[in-house]
Amino acid sequence: MHALQCPACGKQCLSSSRKLFLGPARSISCASCGARVSVTWFASMALIALQSCVMVVTGVLALMLASPFSSLYTPIVIFALGSAVGTAPFLWAYVRFVPLVVRGA
């Protein structure tokens, strides 16, 4: 089954951007069959926790790589770039690997 297909009817029920804003506590209606779909708790929370760890590591690396003689903005820029580069694979993984489930059937 494709990552964006409705588990009830098998048709595409949402876009990638809409799935990124769909958490385990929120459900939406499938455009085709009207079933309430959401993402699984474990997979979504595991991926979000892993992303949080990457953000902490990125922050520590930004502080370590910045020279004490550099400006204040150097660690901020390193953190922002590292966060942007580190977040992209997690966004793709969330859309691709976090499955949809039927809620409140």
N, C-alpha and C. Protein backbone atom coordinates (compact mmCIF):
# COMPACT_ATOMS: atom_id res chain seq x y z
N MET A 1 0.84 -1.18 0.00
CA MET A 1 0.00 0.00 0.00
C MET A 1 0.88 1.25 0.00
N HIS A 2 0.51 2.21 -0.79
CA HIS A 2 1.24 3.47 -0.86
C HIS A 2 1.05 4.25 0.44
N ALA A 3 2.02 5.08 0.78
CA ALA A 3 2.00 5.78 2.07
C ALA A 3 0.87 6.79 2.21
N LEU A 4 0.27 7.21 1.12
CA LEU A 4 -0.79 8.21 1.18
C LEU A 4 -2.17 7.65 0.86
N GLN A 5 -2.25 6.32 0.73
CA GLN A 5 -3.53 5.69 0.40
C GLN A 5 -4.35 5.46 1.66
N CYS A 6 -5.64 5.58 1.51
CA CYS A 6 -6.58 5.32 2.60
C CYS A 6 -6.55 3.84 2.94
N PRO A 7 -6.42 3.49 4.22
CA PRO A 7 -6.43 2.07 4.59
C PRO A 7 -7.80 1.42 4.42
N ALA A 8 -8.85 2.21 4.31
CA ALA A 8 -10.19 1.66 4.15
C ALA A 8 -10.53 1.38 2.69
N CYS A 9 -10.28 2.36 1.80
CA CYS A 9 -10.70 2.19 0.40
C CYS A 9 -9.55 1.99 -0.57
N GLY A 10 -8.32 2.32 -0.17
CA GLY A 10 -7.16 2.11 -1.04
C GLY A 10 -6.87 3.24 -2.00
N LYS A 11 -7.66 4.31 -1.97
CA LYS A 11 -7.41 5.46 -2.84
C LYS A 11 -6.61 6.51 -2.09
N GLN A 12 -5.95 7.39 -2.84
CA GLN A 12 -5.17 8.44 -2.19
C GLN A 12 -6.12 9.37 -1.44
N CYS A 13 -5.83 9.57 -0.14
CA CYS A 13 -6.76 10.35 0.67
C CYS A 13 -6.19 11.69 1.13
N LEU A 14 -4.90 11.91 0.99
CA LEU A 14 -4.32 13.18 1.39
C LEU A 14 -3.01 13.41 0.67
N SER A 15 -2.54 14.66 0.70
CA SER A 15 -1.28 15.01 0.06
C SER A 15 -0.13 14.83 1.06
N SER A 16 1.09 14.90 0.55
CA SER A 16 2.26 14.76 1.42
C SER A 16 2.31 15.87 2.46
N SER A 17 2.04 17.10 2.03
CA SER A 17 2.09 18.22 2.98
C SER A 17 1.01 18.09 4.05
N ARG A 18 -0.13 17.56 3.70
CA ARG A 18 -1.19 17.38 4.69
C ARG A 18 -0.84 16.28 5.68
N LYS A 19 -0.13 15.25 5.22
CA LYS A 19 0.27 14.18 6.13
C LYS A 19 1.31 14.67 7.13
N LEU A 20 2.16 15.63 6.72
CA LEU A 20 3.15 16.16 7.64
C LEU A 20 2.51 16.87 8.83
N PHE A 21 1.32 17.41 8.66
CA PHE A 21 0.61 18.07 9.75
C PHE A 21 -0.38 17.16 10.45
N LEU A 22 -0.38 15.89 10.08
CA LEU A 22 -1.29 14.92 10.68
C LEU A 22 -0.54 14.14 11.76
N GLY A 23 -0.92 14.36 13.00
CA GLY A 23 -0.30 13.63 14.10
C GLY A 23 -1.20 12.51 14.58
N PRO A 24 -0.75 11.73 15.55
CA PRO A 24 -1.54 10.59 16.02
C PRO A 24 -2.82 10.99 16.77
N ALA A 25 -2.89 12.20 17.29
CA ALA A 25 -4.09 12.63 18.01
C ALA A 25 -5.11 13.30 17.10
N ARG A 26 -4.75 13.51 15.85
CA ARG A 26 -5.63 14.19 14.90
C ARG A 26 -6.02 13.22 13.80
N SER A 27 -7.25 13.29 13.34
CA SER A 27 -7.67 12.46 12.22
C SER A 27 -8.39 13.34 11.20
N ILE A 28 -8.34 12.90 9.94
CA ILE A 28 -9.02 13.63 8.87
C ILE A 28 -9.90 12.66 8.11
N SER A 29 -10.83 13.19 7.37
CA SER A 29 -11.72 12.35 6.56
C SER A 29 -11.10 12.09 5.20
N CYS A 30 -11.20 10.86 4.75
CA CYS A 30 -10.76 10.49 3.41
C CYS A 30 -11.68 11.18 2.41
N ALA A 31 -11.10 11.75 1.37
CA ALA A 31 -11.90 12.46 0.36
C ALA A 31 -12.77 11.49 -0.44
N SER A 32 -12.36 10.24 -0.56
CA SER A 32 -13.10 9.27 -1.37
C SER A 32 -14.21 8.57 -0.60
N CYS A 33 -13.88 8.00 0.56
CA CYS A 33 -14.86 7.17 1.28
C CYS A 33 -15.37 7.78 2.57
N GLY A 34 -14.74 8.85 3.05
CA GLY A 34 -15.19 9.50 4.27
C GLY A 34 -14.70 8.88 5.56
N ALA A 35 -13.88 7.84 5.49
CA ALA A 35 -13.34 7.21 6.70
C ALA A 35 -12.38 8.17 7.40
N ARG A 36 -12.36 8.13 8.72
CA ARG A 36 -11.43 8.96 9.49
C ARG A 36 -10.09 8.25 9.54
N VAL A 37 -9.04 8.90 9.03
CA VAL A 37 -7.71 8.30 9.01
C VAL A 37 -6.75 9.15 9.83
N SER A 38 -5.75 8.49 10.39
CA SER A 38 -4.72 9.13 11.19
C SER A 38 -3.44 8.33 11.02
N VAL A 39 -2.39 8.73 11.71
CA VAL A 39 -1.13 7.99 11.68
C VAL A 39 -1.01 7.18 12.96
N THR A 40 -0.17 6.15 12.94
CA THR A 40 0.01 5.31 14.12
C THR A 40 0.81 6.05 15.19
N TRP A 41 0.52 5.74 16.45
CA TRP A 41 1.19 6.40 17.56
C TRP A 41 2.68 6.08 17.60
N PHE A 42 3.01 4.80 17.57
CA PHE A 42 4.40 4.41 17.79
C PHE A 42 5.33 4.93 16.71
N ALA A 43 4.98 4.72 15.46
CA ALA A 43 5.86 5.12 14.36
C ALA A 43 6.05 6.64 14.32
N SER A 44 4.98 7.38 14.51
CA SER A 44 5.11 8.84 14.44
C SER A 44 5.89 9.39 15.63
N MET A 45 5.62 8.88 16.82
CA MET A 45 6.34 9.37 18.00
C MET A 45 7.81 8.95 17.98
N ALA A 46 8.10 7.75 17.48
CA ALA A 46 9.50 7.31 17.38
C ALA A 46 10.28 8.21 16.43
N LEU A 47 9.68 8.54 15.30
CA LEU A 47 10.35 9.40 14.33
C LEU A 47 10.53 10.82 14.87
N ILE A 48 9.52 11.33 15.57
CA ILE A 48 9.63 12.66 16.16
C ILE A 48 10.69 12.69 17.25
N ALA A 49 10.78 11.63 18.07
CA ALA A 49 11.81 11.56 19.11
C ALA A 49 13.20 11.49 18.51
N LEU A 50 13.35 10.72 17.45
CA LEU A 50 14.64 10.63 16.77
C LEU A 50 15.03 11.97 16.18
N GLN A 51 14.08 12.69 15.59
CA GLN A 51 14.35 14.01 15.04
C GLN A 51 14.76 14.98 16.14
N SER A 52 14.16 14.88 17.31
CA SER A 52 14.53 15.74 18.43
C SER A 52 15.97 15.49 18.86
N CYS A 53 16.38 14.23 18.86
CA CYS A 53 17.77 13.89 19.19
C CYS A 53 18.73 14.49 18.18
N VAL A 54 18.35 14.44 16.91
CA VAL A 54 19.20 15.03 15.86
C VAL A 54 19.32 16.54 16.07
N MET A 55 18.25 17.19 16.48
CA MET A 55 18.31 18.63 16.73
C MET A 55 19.25 18.96 17.89
N VAL A 56 19.24 18.15 18.94
CA VAL A 56 20.14 18.37 20.08
C VAL A 56 21.59 18.17 19.64
N VAL A 57 21.85 17.11 18.88
CA VAL A 57 23.21 16.86 18.39
C VAL A 57 23.66 18.00 17.48
N THR A 58 22.77 18.49 16.64
CA THR A 58 23.11 19.61 15.77
C THR A 58 23.46 20.84 16.58
N GLY A 59 22.72 21.11 17.64
CA GLY A 59 23.03 22.25 18.50
C GLY A 59 24.37 22.11 19.19
N VAL A 60 24.68 20.91 19.67
CA VAL A 60 25.98 20.68 20.32
C VAL A 60 27.11 20.83 19.31
N LEU A 61 26.94 20.28 18.12
CA LEU A 61 27.96 20.43 17.08
C LEU A 61 28.15 21.89 16.68
N ALA A 62 27.08 22.64 16.63
CA ALA A 62 27.18 24.06 16.28
C ALA A 62 28.03 24.80 17.31
N LEU A 63 27.84 24.46 18.58
CA LEU A 63 28.64 25.10 19.62
C LEU A 63 30.09 24.63 19.59
N MET A 64 30.31 23.36 19.26
CA MET A 64 31.68 22.83 19.22
C MET A 64 32.46 23.35 18.02
N LEU A 65 31.79 23.49 16.88
CA LEU A 65 32.48 23.92 15.67
C LEU A 65 32.74 25.42 15.62
N ALA A 66 31.99 26.17 16.37
CA ALA A 66 32.18 27.62 16.37
C ALA A 66 33.42 27.96 17.18
N SER A 67 34.27 28.73 16.60
CA SER A 67 35.48 29.16 17.28
C SER A 67 35.10 30.17 18.37
N PRO A 68 35.81 30.16 19.48
CA PRO A 68 35.50 31.15 20.51
C PRO A 68 35.76 32.58 20.05
N PHE A 69 36.53 32.72 18.98
CA PHE A 69 36.84 34.05 18.46
C PHE A 69 35.92 34.47 17.33
N SER A 70 35.01 33.61 16.94
CA SER A 70 34.08 33.97 15.87
C SER A 70 32.93 34.81 16.44
N SER A 71 32.13 35.30 15.55
CA SER A 71 31.02 36.15 16.00
C SER A 71 29.93 35.30 16.65
N LEU A 72 28.99 35.97 17.24
CA LEU A 72 27.86 35.30 17.89
C LEU A 72 26.98 34.59 16.87
N TYR A 73 26.97 35.07 15.65
CA TYR A 73 26.08 34.52 14.64
C TYR A 73 26.58 33.20 14.04
N THR A 74 27.85 32.88 14.19
CA THR A 74 28.39 31.66 13.61
C THR A 74 27.69 30.40 14.14
N PRO A 75 27.55 30.21 15.46
CA PRO A 75 26.84 29.01 15.91
C PRO A 75 25.37 29.01 15.51
N ILE A 76 24.77 30.18 15.42
CA ILE A 76 23.36 30.26 15.02
C ILE A 76 23.20 29.82 13.57
N VAL A 77 24.10 30.27 12.71
CA VAL A 77 24.05 29.90 11.29
C VAL A 77 24.34 28.41 11.13
N ILE A 78 25.33 27.89 11.85
CA ILE A 78 25.65 26.46 11.76
C ILE A 78 24.47 25.63 12.24
N PHE A 79 23.83 26.05 13.33
CA PHE A 79 22.67 25.32 13.84
C PHE A 79 21.51 25.36 12.85
N ALA A 80 21.25 26.51 12.27
CA ALA A 80 20.14 26.63 11.31
C ALA A 80 20.38 25.78 10.08
N LEU A 81 21.60 25.82 9.54
CA LEU A 81 21.90 25.01 8.36
C LEU A 81 21.87 23.52 8.69
N GLY A 82 22.44 23.15 9.82
CA GLY A 82 22.42 21.75 10.23
C GLY A 82 21.01 21.24 10.49
N SER A 83 20.18 22.08 11.06
CA SER A 83 18.79 21.69 11.31
C SER A 83 18.02 21.51 10.01
N ALA A 84 18.24 22.41 9.07
CA ALA A 84 17.53 22.31 7.79
C ALA A 84 17.96 21.05 7.04
N VAL A 85 19.26 20.79 7.01
CA VAL A 85 19.77 19.61 6.31
C VAL A 85 19.37 18.34 7.06
N GLY A 86 19.37 18.38 8.38
CA GLY A 86 19.02 17.21 9.17
C GLY A 86 17.53 16.90 9.21
N THR A 87 16.69 17.90 8.99
CA THR A 87 15.25 17.70 9.05
C THR A 87 14.69 17.11 7.76
N ALA A 88 15.27 17.43 6.64
CA ALA A 88 14.74 16.98 5.34
C ALA A 88 14.56 15.46 5.26
N PRO A 89 15.54 14.64 5.65
CA PRO A 89 15.31 13.19 5.59
C PRO A 89 14.19 12.71 6.51
N PHE A 90 14.00 13.38 7.64
CA PHE A 90 12.93 12.97 8.56
C PHE A 90 11.55 13.33 8.01
N LEU A 91 11.45 14.43 7.30
CA LEU A 91 10.18 14.77 6.66
C LEU A 91 9.82 13.73 5.61
N TRP A 92 10.81 13.34 4.81
CA TRP A 92 10.59 12.31 3.79
C TRP A 92 10.21 10.99 4.46
N ALA A 93 10.92 10.62 5.53
CA ALA A 93 10.64 9.36 6.21
C ALA A 93 9.26 9.37 6.86
N TYR A 94 8.82 10.50 7.37
CA TYR A 94 7.49 10.59 7.98
C TYR A 94 6.41 10.33 6.93
N VAL A 95 6.56 10.95 5.77
CA VAL A 95 5.57 10.76 4.70
C VAL A 95 5.63 9.33 4.18
N ARG A 96 6.81 8.78 4.03
CA ARG A 96 6.99 7.48 3.38
C ARG A 96 6.72 6.29 4.30
N PHE A 97 7.15 6.35 5.56
CA PHE A 97 7.16 5.16 6.40
C PHE A 97 6.15 5.15 7.55
N VAL A 98 5.56 6.28 7.90
CA VAL A 98 4.56 6.29 8.97
C VAL A 98 3.22 5.91 8.35
N PRO A 99 2.66 4.77 8.75
CA PRO A 99 1.44 4.28 8.09
C PRO A 99 0.18 5.02 8.55
N LEU A 100 -0.79 5.01 7.67
CA LEU A 100 -2.11 5.55 7.99
C LEU A 100 -2.99 4.43 8.56
N VAL A 101 -3.83 4.77 9.50
CA VAL A 101 -4.77 3.81 10.09
C VAL A 101 -6.15 4.44 10.15
N VAL A 102 -7.18 3.59 10.18
CA VAL A 102 -8.55 4.07 10.31
C VAL A 102 -8.83 4.31 11.79
N ARG A 103 -9.39 5.46 12.12
CA ARG A 103 -9.74 5.81 13.50
C ARG A 103 -11.25 5.95 13.63
N GLY A 104 -11.78 5.51 14.72
CA GLY A 104 -13.19 5.71 15.03
C GLY A 104 -14.15 5.13 14.01
N ALA A 105 -13.87 3.93 13.54
CA ALA A 105 -14.70 3.34 12.49
C ALA A 105 -16.03 2.95 12.96
